[in-house]
Amino acid sequence: QVHLVESGGGSVQPGGSLRLSCEDSGMGVRLSRMGWYRQAPGQQRESVANITSAGSADVANSVKGRFTISRDNAKNMMYMQMNSLKPEDTAVYYCYAVWGRLDFWGQGTQVTVSS
């Protein structure tokens, strides 16, 4: 089926950049919507960005102009370029994908923004 694996998290200083990747290492089925959520300590999980299989993207107001989501359907990959990172971006970032009526989630990758 679908097996999502995130990579690219880490620790950066404010103003820095990171690029998150999400790979579907499963059976390579045709995924519809994919996206990223994040969860900071003590906070609810929030939607950050999502993208359809046709490439139509949407990002949260809190990251608009700083984060860019993209995907490569041929490689079963999704990416999120994160620039001008702020301490409030610190969270565990999870990728997800929709296949039919099912949602699949990755294990999460930690992003820490601190001086």
N, C-alpha and C. Protein backbone atom coordinates (compact mmCIF):
# COMPACT_ATOMS: atom_id res chain seq x y z
N GLN A 1 0.84 -1.19 0.00
CA GLN A 1 0.00 0.00 0.00
C GLN A 1 0.87 1.24 0.00
N VAL A 2 0.69 2.07 1.04
CA VAL A 2 1.41 3.33 1.12
C VAL A 2 2.28 3.32 2.38
N HIS A 3 3.53 3.66 2.21
CA HIS A 3 4.44 3.75 3.35
C HIS A 3 5.23 5.04 3.20
N LEU A 4 4.93 6.00 4.07
CA LEU A 4 5.54 7.32 3.96
C LEU A 4 6.72 7.46 4.91
N VAL A 5 7.79 8.00 4.39
CA VAL A 5 9.00 8.22 5.19
C VAL A 5 9.46 9.65 4.99
N GLU A 6 9.53 10.39 6.11
CA GLU A 6 10.00 11.77 6.05
C GLU A 6 11.51 11.83 6.30
N SER A 7 12.12 12.87 5.78
CA SER A 7 13.52 13.15 6.05
C SER A 7 13.76 14.64 5.89
N GLY A 8 14.90 15.10 6.37
CA GLY A 8 15.29 16.49 6.17
C GLY A 8 15.13 17.38 7.37
N GLY A 9 14.57 16.87 8.46
CA GLY A 9 14.45 17.69 9.65
C GLY A 9 15.81 17.95 10.28
N GLY A 10 15.82 18.82 11.28
CA GLY A 10 17.06 19.11 11.96
C GLY A 10 16.94 20.38 12.78
N SER A 11 18.09 20.89 13.18
CA SER A 11 18.15 22.11 13.99
C SER A 11 18.80 23.22 13.19
N VAL A 12 18.16 24.38 13.20
CA VAL A 12 18.69 25.54 12.49
C VAL A 12 18.49 26.78 13.33
N GLN A 13 19.23 27.81 13.00
CA GLN A 13 19.04 29.10 13.67
C GLN A 13 17.90 29.86 13.00
N PRO A 14 17.32 30.79 13.72
CA PRO A 14 16.27 31.63 13.09
C PRO A 14 16.78 32.27 11.81
N GLY A 15 15.92 32.26 10.81
CA GLY A 15 16.30 32.79 9.51
C GLY A 15 16.87 31.73 8.58
N GLY A 16 17.13 30.55 9.11
CA GLY A 16 17.71 29.49 8.31
C GLY A 16 16.66 28.76 7.47
N SER A 17 17.14 27.76 6.74
CA SER A 17 16.29 27.01 5.82
C SER A 17 16.46 25.51 6.02
N LEU A 18 15.42 24.79 5.74
CA LEU A 18 15.44 23.34 5.69
C LEU A 18 14.54 22.88 4.56
N ARG A 19 14.83 21.69 4.04
CA ARG A 19 13.97 21.10 3.03
C ARG A 19 13.55 19.72 3.52
N LEU A 20 12.26 19.57 3.73
CA LEU A 20 11.71 18.29 4.14
C LEU A 20 11.33 17.48 2.90
N SER A 21 11.54 16.18 2.99
CA SER A 21 11.14 15.27 1.93
C SER A 21 10.24 14.20 2.50
N CYS A 22 9.33 13.73 1.68
CA CYS A 22 8.44 12.64 2.06
C CYS A 22 8.38 11.67 0.89
N GLU A 23 8.77 10.45 1.14
CA GLU A 23 8.80 9.43 0.10
C GLU A 23 7.77 8.36 0.38
N ASP A 24 7.03 8.00 -0.64
CA ASP A 24 6.15 6.84 -0.56
C ASP A 24 6.94 5.64 -1.04
N SER A 25 7.39 4.84 -0.08
CA SER A 25 8.21 3.67 -0.43
C SER A 25 7.37 2.40 -0.51
N GLY A 26 6.06 2.59 -0.64
CA GLY A 26 5.17 1.45 -0.73
C GLY A 26 5.06 0.92 -2.15
N MET A 27 3.84 0.72 -2.58
CA MET A 27 3.61 0.06 -3.88
C MET A 27 3.52 1.05 -5.02
N GLY A 28 3.73 2.35 -4.73
CA GLY A 28 3.70 3.34 -5.78
C GLY A 28 2.32 3.58 -6.35
N VAL A 29 1.30 3.48 -5.50
CA VAL A 29 -0.06 3.72 -5.96
C VAL A 29 -0.23 5.20 -6.26
N ARG A 30 -1.29 5.51 -6.98
CA ARG A 30 -1.54 6.90 -7.33
C ARG A 30 -2.17 7.61 -6.14
N LEU A 31 -1.41 8.51 -5.56
CA LEU A 31 -1.89 9.26 -4.42
C LEU A 31 -2.58 10.53 -4.87
N SER A 32 -3.63 10.91 -4.20
CA SER A 32 -4.30 12.16 -4.55
C SER A 32 -3.66 13.30 -3.75
N ARG A 33 -4.32 13.77 -2.73
CA ARG A 33 -3.75 14.88 -1.97
C ARG A 33 -2.65 14.40 -1.05
N MET A 34 -1.60 15.20 -0.95
CA MET A 34 -0.53 14.98 0.01
C MET A 34 -0.29 16.30 0.74
N GLY A 35 0.31 16.19 1.90
CA GLY A 35 0.55 17.43 2.64
C GLY A 35 1.38 17.23 3.88
N TRP A 36 1.49 18.31 4.61
CA TRP A 36 2.28 18.34 5.84
C TRP A 36 1.45 18.92 6.97
N TYR A 37 1.53 18.28 8.10
CA TYR A 37 1.03 18.80 9.36
C TYR A 37 2.22 18.97 10.28
N ARG A 38 2.03 19.75 11.32
CA ARG A 38 3.04 19.86 12.35
C ARG A 38 2.39 19.91 13.72
N GLN A 39 3.16 19.49 14.71
CA GLN A 39 2.67 19.51 16.08
C GLN A 39 3.78 19.95 17.00
N ALA A 40 3.56 21.08 17.65
CA ALA A 40 4.51 21.58 18.63
C ALA A 40 4.14 21.03 20.00
N PRO A 41 5.09 21.00 20.92
CA PRO A 41 4.81 20.48 22.26
C PRO A 41 3.63 21.19 22.91
N GLY A 42 2.67 20.43 23.39
CA GLY A 42 1.52 20.99 24.06
C GLY A 42 0.50 21.63 23.15
N GLN A 43 0.71 21.49 21.85
CA GLN A 43 -0.19 22.11 20.88
C GLN A 43 -0.91 21.04 20.07
N GLN A 44 -2.02 21.44 19.46
CA GLN A 44 -2.72 20.52 18.57
C GLN A 44 -1.98 20.45 17.24
N ARG A 45 -2.17 19.34 16.55
CA ARG A 45 -1.58 19.20 15.22
C ARG A 45 -2.27 20.18 14.28
N GLU A 46 -1.48 20.89 13.46
CA GLU A 46 -2.05 21.86 12.55
C GLU A 46 -1.58 21.60 11.13
N SER A 47 -2.43 21.93 10.19
CA SER A 47 -2.10 21.79 8.79
C SER A 47 -1.14 22.89 8.37
N VAL A 48 -0.10 22.52 7.65
CA VAL A 48 0.88 23.49 7.18
C VAL A 48 0.70 23.75 5.69
N ALA A 49 0.62 22.69 4.91
CA ALA A 49 0.51 22.84 3.47
C ALA A 49 -0.01 21.53 2.88
N ASN A 50 -0.63 21.65 1.70
CA ASN A 50 -1.06 20.46 1.00
C ASN A 50 -1.01 20.71 -0.50
N ILE A 51 -1.00 19.61 -1.24
CA ILE A 51 -0.88 19.72 -2.69
C ILE A 51 -1.60 18.55 -3.35
N THR A 52 -2.32 18.84 -4.42
CA THR A 52 -3.04 17.80 -5.14
C THR A 52 -2.09 17.10 -6.12
N SER A 53 -2.56 16.01 -6.71
CA SER A 53 -1.75 15.29 -7.68
C SER A 53 -1.49 16.14 -8.92
N ALA A 54 -2.35 17.11 -9.17
CA ALA A 54 -2.17 18.00 -10.32
C ALA A 54 -1.24 19.17 -10.00
N GLY A 55 -0.85 19.29 -8.73
CA GLY A 55 0.09 20.34 -8.35
C GLY A 55 -0.52 21.59 -7.78
N SER A 56 -1.82 21.56 -7.52
CA SER A 56 -2.45 22.72 -6.89
C SER A 56 -2.14 22.72 -5.40
N ALA A 57 -1.52 23.80 -4.95
CA ALA A 57 -1.00 23.84 -3.58
C ALA A 57 -1.71 24.89 -2.74
N ASP A 58 -1.68 24.64 -1.44
CA ASP A 58 -2.23 25.58 -0.48
C ASP A 58 -1.36 25.54 0.76
N VAL A 59 -1.06 26.70 1.31
CA VAL A 59 -0.24 26.75 2.53
C VAL A 59 -0.94 27.59 3.58
N ALA A 60 -0.65 27.31 4.83
CA ALA A 60 -1.25 28.05 5.94
C ALA A 60 -0.75 29.50 5.93
N ASN A 61 -1.59 30.39 6.43
CA ASN A 61 -1.21 31.80 6.47
C ASN A 61 0.07 32.02 7.28
N SER A 62 0.26 31.20 8.30
CA SER A 62 1.42 31.39 9.18
C SER A 62 2.75 31.11 8.49
N VAL A 63 2.72 30.40 7.38
CA VAL A 63 3.96 30.07 6.67
C VAL A 63 3.96 30.59 5.24
N LYS A 64 2.92 31.27 4.83
CA LYS A 64 2.83 31.76 3.46
C LYS A 64 3.97 32.72 3.17
N GLY A 65 4.58 32.52 2.01
CA GLY A 65 5.72 33.34 1.63
C GLY A 65 7.04 32.81 2.13
N ARG A 66 7.00 31.84 3.02
CA ARG A 66 8.23 31.24 3.57
C ARG A 66 8.37 29.77 3.22
N PHE A 67 7.27 29.05 3.17
CA PHE A 67 7.29 27.61 2.88
C PHE A 67 6.70 27.37 1.49
N THR A 68 7.30 26.44 0.78
CA THR A 68 6.82 26.05 -0.54
C THR A 68 6.70 24.54 -0.60
N ILE A 69 5.54 24.07 -1.01
CA ILE A 69 5.31 22.64 -1.13
C ILE A 69 5.36 22.24 -2.60
N SER A 70 5.91 21.05 -2.86
CA SER A 70 5.97 20.56 -4.23
C SER A 70 5.97 19.03 -4.20
N ARG A 71 5.76 18.43 -5.33
CA ARG A 71 5.79 16.98 -5.40
C ARG A 71 6.26 16.52 -6.76
N ASP A 72 6.80 15.32 -6.79
CA ASP A 72 7.24 14.68 -8.02
C ASP A 72 6.52 13.34 -8.08
N ASN A 73 5.45 13.29 -8.83
CA ASN A 73 4.63 12.08 -8.87
C ASN A 73 5.40 10.89 -9.43
N ALA A 74 6.27 11.14 -10.39
CA ALA A 74 7.03 10.05 -11.00
C ALA A 74 7.96 9.38 -10.00
N LYS A 75 8.43 10.14 -9.03
CA LYS A 75 9.35 9.62 -8.02
C LYS A 75 8.64 9.31 -6.70
N ASN A 76 7.34 9.50 -6.67
CA ASN A 76 6.58 9.29 -5.42
C ASN A 76 7.15 10.11 -4.27
N MET A 77 7.49 11.34 -4.56
CA MET A 77 8.11 12.22 -3.57
C MET A 77 7.31 13.50 -3.39
N MET A 78 7.36 14.03 -2.19
CA MET A 78 6.81 15.35 -1.88
C MET A 78 7.87 16.10 -1.08
N TYR A 79 7.90 17.40 -1.28
CA TYR A 79 8.91 18.22 -0.63
C TYR A 79 8.26 19.45 0.00
N MET A 80 8.94 20.00 0.98
CA MET A 80 8.55 21.30 1.50
C MET A 80 9.82 22.08 1.81
N GLN A 81 10.01 23.14 1.05
CA GLN A 81 11.13 24.04 1.27
C GLN A 81 10.72 25.07 2.31
N MET A 82 11.47 25.15 3.38
CA MET A 82 11.14 26.05 4.48
C MET A 82 12.25 27.08 4.62
N ASN A 83 11.93 28.33 4.35
CA ASN A 83 12.88 29.42 4.44
C ASN A 83 12.48 30.38 5.56
N SER A 84 13.41 31.22 5.95
CA SER A 84 13.15 32.24 6.97
C SER A 84 12.49 31.61 8.20
N LEU A 85 13.05 30.53 8.65
CA LEU A 85 12.45 29.80 9.76
C LEU A 85 12.47 30.62 11.04
N LYS A 86 11.41 30.43 11.82
CA LYS A 86 11.23 31.15 13.08
C LYS A 86 11.17 30.15 14.23
N PRO A 87 11.45 30.58 15.44
CA PRO A 87 11.35 29.65 16.59
C PRO A 87 9.97 29.01 16.69
N GLU A 88 8.93 29.74 16.30
CA GLU A 88 7.58 29.18 16.39
C GLU A 88 7.30 28.11 15.34
N ASP A 89 8.23 27.89 14.44
CA ASP A 89 8.12 26.79 13.48
C ASP A 89 8.60 25.47 14.09
N THR A 90 9.17 25.54 15.27
CA THR A 90 9.65 24.33 15.93
C THR A 90 8.50 23.38 16.19
N ALA A 91 8.63 22.15 15.69
CA ALA A 91 7.57 21.15 15.82
C ALA A 91 8.04 19.85 15.21
N VAL A 92 7.25 18.81 15.42
CA VAL A 92 7.41 17.59 14.65
C VAL A 92 6.53 17.73 13.41
N TYR A 93 7.13 17.51 12.26
CA TYR A 93 6.42 17.64 10.99
C TYR A 93 6.09 16.25 10.46
N TYR A 94 4.83 16.09 10.09
CA TYR A 94 4.33 14.82 9.58
C TYR A 94 3.83 14.99 8.15
N CYS A 95 4.20 14.08 7.30
CA CYS A 95 3.60 14.09 5.97
C CYS A 95 2.44 13.11 5.96
N TYR A 96 1.49 13.38 5.09
CA TYR A 96 0.36 12.49 4.93
C TYR A 96 0.01 12.39 3.45
N ALA A 97 -0.75 11.36 3.16
CA ALA A 97 -1.19 11.15 1.77
C ALA A 97 -2.56 10.50 1.79
N VAL A 98 -3.32 10.82 0.78
CA VAL A 98 -4.66 10.27 0.64
C VAL A 98 -4.67 9.33 -0.56
N TRP A 99 -5.16 8.13 -0.35
CA TRP A 99 -5.33 7.15 -1.42
C TRP A 99 -6.73 6.60 -1.31
N GLY A 100 -7.56 6.96 -2.25
CA GLY A 100 -8.96 6.58 -2.16
C GLY A 100 -9.58 7.22 -0.94
N ARG A 101 -10.13 6.42 -0.06
CA ARG A 101 -10.75 6.92 1.17
C ARG A 101 -9.84 6.77 2.37
N LEU A 102 -8.60 6.42 2.13
CA LEU A 102 -7.66 6.15 3.23
C LEU A 102 -6.64 7.27 3.36
N ASP A 103 -6.27 7.56 4.60
CA ASP A 103 -5.19 8.49 4.91
C ASP A 103 -4.01 7.72 5.44
N PHE A 104 -2.83 8.11 5.04
CA PHE A 104 -1.61 7.48 5.52
C PHE A 104 -0.70 8.57 6.07
N TRP A 105 0.06 8.21 7.09
CA TRP A 105 0.92 9.18 7.77
C TRP A 105 2.34 8.64 7.91
N GLY A 106 3.29 9.56 7.86
CA GLY A 106 4.67 9.22 8.16
C GLY A 106 4.91 9.25 9.66
N GLN A 107 6.13 8.94 10.04
CA GLN A 107 6.47 8.83 11.46
C GLN A 107 6.83 10.19 12.07
N GLY A 108 7.04 11.18 11.24
CA GLY A 108 7.37 12.51 11.73
C GLY A 108 8.86 12.79 11.72
N THR A 109 9.20 14.05 11.54
CA THR A 109 10.60 14.49 11.61
C THR A 109 10.64 15.79 12.39
N GLN A 110 11.62 15.89 13.29
CA GLN A 110 11.71 17.04 14.19
C GLN A 110 12.39 18.21 13.49
N VAL A 111 11.79 19.37 13.62
CA VAL A 111 12.39 20.63 13.17
C VAL A 111 12.51 21.54 14.39
N THR A 112 13.73 21.97 14.67
CA THR A 112 13.97 22.85 15.80
C THR A 112 14.64 24.12 15.31
N VAL A 113 14.04 25.25 15.64
CA VAL A 113 14.58 26.55 15.24
C VAL A 113 14.94 27.31 16.52
N SER A 114 16.21 27.48 16.73
CA SER A 114 16.67 28.09 17.97
C SER A 114 18.04 28.71 17.78
N SER A 115 18.25 29.80 18.49
CA SER A 115 19.58 30.43 18.45
C SER A 115 20.44 29.91 19.59
